[in-house]
Amino acid sequence: MSNVICGLAVSVDGYITGREPGPGRGLGDGGVLFDWYGSGDVPSQVFDGFRLTEPSARIFDELASRVGATLAGHTTYTDSNRFAEGAPHPTAPLVVLSHSDFPPANPRQTIVSTGIHDAVDVAKRAAAGKDVGLMGGVLVTEALAAGLVDELILHQVPILLGAGRRFFHELPQHIRLGILEVVAAPDVTHLHYEVKR
């Protein structure tokens, strides 16, 4: 059965982008959030070109190998130039939640405009028994509010960005988390939580 998980790099002050993100600018001045993808000497077994430290490689590859489909919000999609290579994950298809229909950029993408529940259902079918990975702060918050998220992984980078797009937005109530694992690497701390129901 598919779990719905989210693993995003985040600054200590809670940002998943820097200032002025957008199409052609990606994360704005927040690219430092992904420096840990290339800061080690252990090649990722899932993502070509990633060379991680040993603790990060173990965490990253274990999570990445679980993902059978990715679900992103429209802002993440456009800021990432529509993932022109197909999808953010090398093998998993991409589902995009949008307020309007539009043609996907390639055959590995599916656009859903009928709400978060439908988008998660489509992504679970596409995942074929593996997990669904969520991308984008607004989408993750919407999925949390709807009770659809099973696990949260914060790859917390030791920097204060000071501005950008926040990981979490306002929620209608408290959401309790259980700590599954905390792994400190030289340049990122991996915080793995289960969402309590």
Protein backbone atom coordinates (compact mmCIF):
# COMPACT_ATOMS: atom_id res chain seq x y z
CA MET A 1 0.00 0.00 0.00
CA SER A 2 1.30 3.44 -0.93
CA ASN A 3 2.28 5.89 1.77
CA VAL A 4 2.20 9.61 1.09
CA ILE A 5 5.52 11.13 2.11
CA CYS A 6 7.27 14.45 1.80
CA GLY A 7 11.01 14.90 1.90
CA LEU A 8 12.13 18.47 1.27
CA ALA A 9 15.30 20.41 2.00
CA VAL A 10 14.52 23.26 4.38
CA SER A 11 16.46 26.05 6.05
CA VAL A 12 16.54 26.32 9.84
CA ASP A 13 14.09 29.24 9.59
CA GLY A 14 11.63 27.14 7.57
CA TYR A 15 12.16 28.14 3.92
CA ILE A 16 12.23 25.76 0.94
CA THR A 17 13.29 28.48 -1.50
CA GLY A 18 15.30 31.64 -1.24
CA ARG A 19 14.31 35.12 -2.37
CA GLU A 20 12.66 35.64 -5.77
CA PRO A 21 12.03 32.05 -6.87
CA GLY A 22 10.24 31.56 -10.16
CA PRO A 23 10.43 30.31 -13.73
CA GLY A 24 14.02 30.53 -14.93
CA ARG A 25 15.15 31.31 -11.37
CA GLY A 26 14.21 28.03 -9.66
CA LEU A 27 14.79 28.44 -5.93
CA GLY A 28 15.91 32.04 -6.25
CA ASP A 29 18.93 32.55 -4.00
CA GLY A 30 18.13 29.34 -2.08
CA GLY A 31 20.22 26.90 -4.12
CA VAL A 32 22.40 26.32 -1.06
CA LEU A 33 19.60 24.07 0.23
CA PHE A 34 20.81 21.41 -2.20
CA ASP A 35 24.57 21.70 -1.73
CA TRP A 36 24.48 18.46 0.26
CA TYR A 37 23.53 16.57 -2.95
CA GLY A 38 27.14 16.96 -4.06
CA SER A 39 29.15 17.38 -0.87
CA GLY A 40 30.33 13.81 -0.34
CA ASP A 41 32.03 10.94 -2.10
CA VAL A 42 29.26 8.30 -2.00
CA PRO A 43 27.38 8.12 -5.32
CA SER A 44 23.61 7.89 -5.08
CA GLN A 45 22.22 4.58 -6.28
CA VAL A 46 19.03 6.33 -7.47
CA PHE A 47 20.02 9.77 -8.82
CA ASP A 48 22.89 9.92 -11.31
CA GLY A 49 25.46 12.57 -10.48
CA PHE A 50 24.58 12.93 -6.80
CA ARG A 51 27.57 12.37 -4.49
CA LEU A 52 26.54 12.46 -0.87
CA THR A 53 28.17 11.95 2.50
CA GLU A 54 27.69 8.43 3.86
CA PRO A 55 24.87 9.29 6.31
CA SER A 56 23.01 11.32 3.67
CA ALA A 57 23.44 8.66 0.99
CA ARG A 58 21.83 6.05 3.20
CA ILE A 59 18.83 8.25 4.06
CA PHE A 60 18.42 9.77 0.60
CA ASP A 61 18.61 6.51 -1.36
CA GLU A 62 16.32 4.65 1.02
CA LEU A 63 13.65 7.32 0.63
CA ALA A 64 14.16 7.87 -3.10
CA SER A 65 13.89 4.14 -3.79
CA ARG A 66 10.47 4.08 -2.09
CA VAL A 67 8.96 6.69 -4.43
CA GLY A 68 6.78 5.40 -7.25
CA ALA A 69 5.20 8.74 -8.20
CA THR A 70 5.76 12.39 -7.38
CA LEU A 71 2.97 14.91 -6.77
CA ALA A 72 3.83 18.60 -7.15
CA GLY A 73 1.88 21.81 -7.00
CA HIS A 74 1.56 24.10 -10.01
CA THR A 75 3.95 26.72 -8.61
CA THR A 76 6.69 24.12 -8.06
CA TYR A 77 6.03 22.83 -11.58
CA THR A 78 6.35 26.23 -13.27
CA ASP A 79 9.31 27.32 -11.13
CA SER A 80 11.09 24.12 -12.21
CA ASN A 81 10.50 24.90 -15.91
CA ARG A 82 7.87 22.14 -16.08
CA PHE A 83 10.48 19.45 -15.37
CA ALA A 84 11.30 19.38 -19.06
CA GLU A 85 13.26 16.16 -18.69
CA GLY A 86 10.05 14.47 -17.57
CA ALA A 87 9.84 14.45 -13.79
CA PRO A 88 11.94 15.33 -10.73
CA HIS A 89 12.53 11.64 -9.95
CA PRO A 90 14.50 9.56 -12.49
CA THR A 91 11.97 6.71 -12.66
CA ALA A 92 8.73 7.93 -11.04
CA PRO A 93 6.06 9.73 -13.08
CA LEU A 94 4.89 13.20 -12.07
CA VAL A 95 1.36 14.28 -11.15
CA VAL A 96 0.73 18.05 -11.01
CA LEU A 97 -2.13 19.56 -9.02
CA SER A 98 -3.39 22.73 -10.66
CA HIS A 99 -6.48 24.94 -10.51
CA SER A 100 -6.83 24.65 -14.28
CA ASP A 101 -6.27 22.02 -16.96
CA PHE A 102 -3.39 22.35 -19.39
CA PRO A 103 -1.44 19.91 -21.53
CA PRO A 104 1.46 18.17 -19.77
CA ALA A 105 4.96 18.92 -21.00
CA ASN A 106 5.67 15.25 -21.73
CA PRO A 107 4.18 11.75 -21.38
CA ARG A 108 5.60 11.19 -17.87
CA GLN A 109 3.30 13.92 -16.52
CA THR A 110 -0.39 13.95 -15.56
CA ILE A 111 -2.28 17.14 -14.71
CA VAL A 112 -5.10 16.99 -12.14
CA SER A 113 -7.38 19.98 -11.55
CA THR A 114 -10.07 18.41 -9.34
CA GLY A 115 -8.48 18.81 -5.91
CA ILE A 116 -5.96 17.28 -3.55
CA HIS A 117 -7.88 14.06 -2.88
CA ASP A 118 -8.13 13.25 -6.59
CA ALA A 119 -4.48 14.19 -7.17
CA VAL A 120 -3.31 11.85 -4.40
CA ASP A 121 -5.53 9.06 -5.77
CA VAL A 122 -4.07 9.51 -9.27
CA ALA A 123 -0.54 9.58 -7.87
CA LYS A 124 -1.15 6.41 -5.81
CA ARG A 125 -2.35 4.57 -8.92
CA ALA A 126 0.69 5.79 -10.85
CA ALA A 127 2.98 4.68 -7.99
CA ALA A 128 1.88 1.06 -8.46
CA GLY A 129 2.25 0.10 -4.81
CA LYS A 130 5.24 2.31 -4.04
CA ASP A 131 5.04 5.62 -2.17
CA VAL A 132 3.93 9.03 -3.37
CA GLY A 133 6.42 11.87 -2.80
CA LEU A 134 4.98 15.36 -2.33
CA MET A 135 6.68 18.58 -3.49
CA GLY A 136 5.81 22.18 -2.65
CA GLY A 137 4.88 23.93 0.58
CA VAL A 138 1.30 24.86 -0.29
CA LEU A 139 0.56 21.37 -1.63
CA VAL A 140 2.10 19.67 1.43
CA THR A 141 0.10 21.92 3.76
CA GLU A 142 -3.11 21.21 1.84
CA ALA A 143 -2.44 17.46 1.99
CA LEU A 144 -1.69 17.65 5.72
CA ALA A 145 -4.92 19.57 6.36
CA ALA A 146 -6.82 16.88 4.43
CA GLY A 147 -5.25 14.08 6.50
CA LEU A 148 -3.48 12.55 3.50
CA VAL A 149 0.19 12.62 4.62
CA ASP A 150 1.81 9.65 6.36
CA GLU A 151 5.43 10.80 6.78
CA LEU A 152 7.40 14.06 6.76
CA ILE A 153 11.14 14.20 6.18
CA LEU A 154 12.88 17.53 6.70
CA HIS A 155 16.40 17.67 5.33
CA GLN A 156 17.34 20.65 7.49
CA VAL A 157 20.27 22.64 6.15
CA PRO A 158 22.17 24.78 8.69
CA ILE A 159 21.39 28.17 7.19
CA LEU A 160 18.95 31.01 7.87
CA LEU A 161 17.70 32.17 4.47
CA GLY A 162 15.69 35.02 5.93
CA ALA A 163 13.06 35.02 3.16
CA GLY A 164 11.55 32.86 0.44
CA ARG A 165 8.70 30.38 0.33
CA ARG A 166 7.91 28.62 3.57
CA PHE A 167 7.73 24.84 3.90
CA PHE A 168 4.53 24.93 5.97
CA HIS A 169 1.63 27.34 5.72
CA GLU A 170 -1.25 27.92 8.11
CA LEU A 171 -3.04 24.74 9.20
CA PRO A 172 -6.57 24.51 10.64
CA GLN A 173 -5.37 22.62 13.74
CA HIS A 174 -2.35 21.05 15.41
CA ILE A 175 -0.89 18.00 13.71
CA ARG A 176 1.05 15.71 16.01
CA LEU A 177 4.20 14.03 14.74
CA GLY A 178 6.17 11.06 15.99
CA ILE A 179 9.94 10.97 15.58
CA LEU A 180 11.04 7.99 13.48
CA GLU A 181 14.69 8.90 12.97
CA VAL A 182 17.15 11.77 13.33
CA VAL A 183 20.40 11.51 11.38
CA ALA A 184 23.06 14.19 11.54
CA ALA A 185 25.31 14.50 8.50
CA PRO A 186 28.15 17.03 8.12
CA ASP A 187 26.03 19.60 6.27
CA VAL A 188 22.39 18.56 6.79
CA THR A 189 20.27 16.96 9.52
CA HIS A 190 17.63 14.47 8.37
CA LEU A 191 14.49 14.63 10.53
CA HIS A 192 12.03 11.82 9.79
CA TYR A 193 8.53 11.99 11.32
CA GLU A 194 5.34 10.00 11.10
CA VAL A 195 2.08 11.92 11.06
CA LYS A 196 -0.07 10.86 14.02
CA ARG A 197 -3.75 10.24 13.42
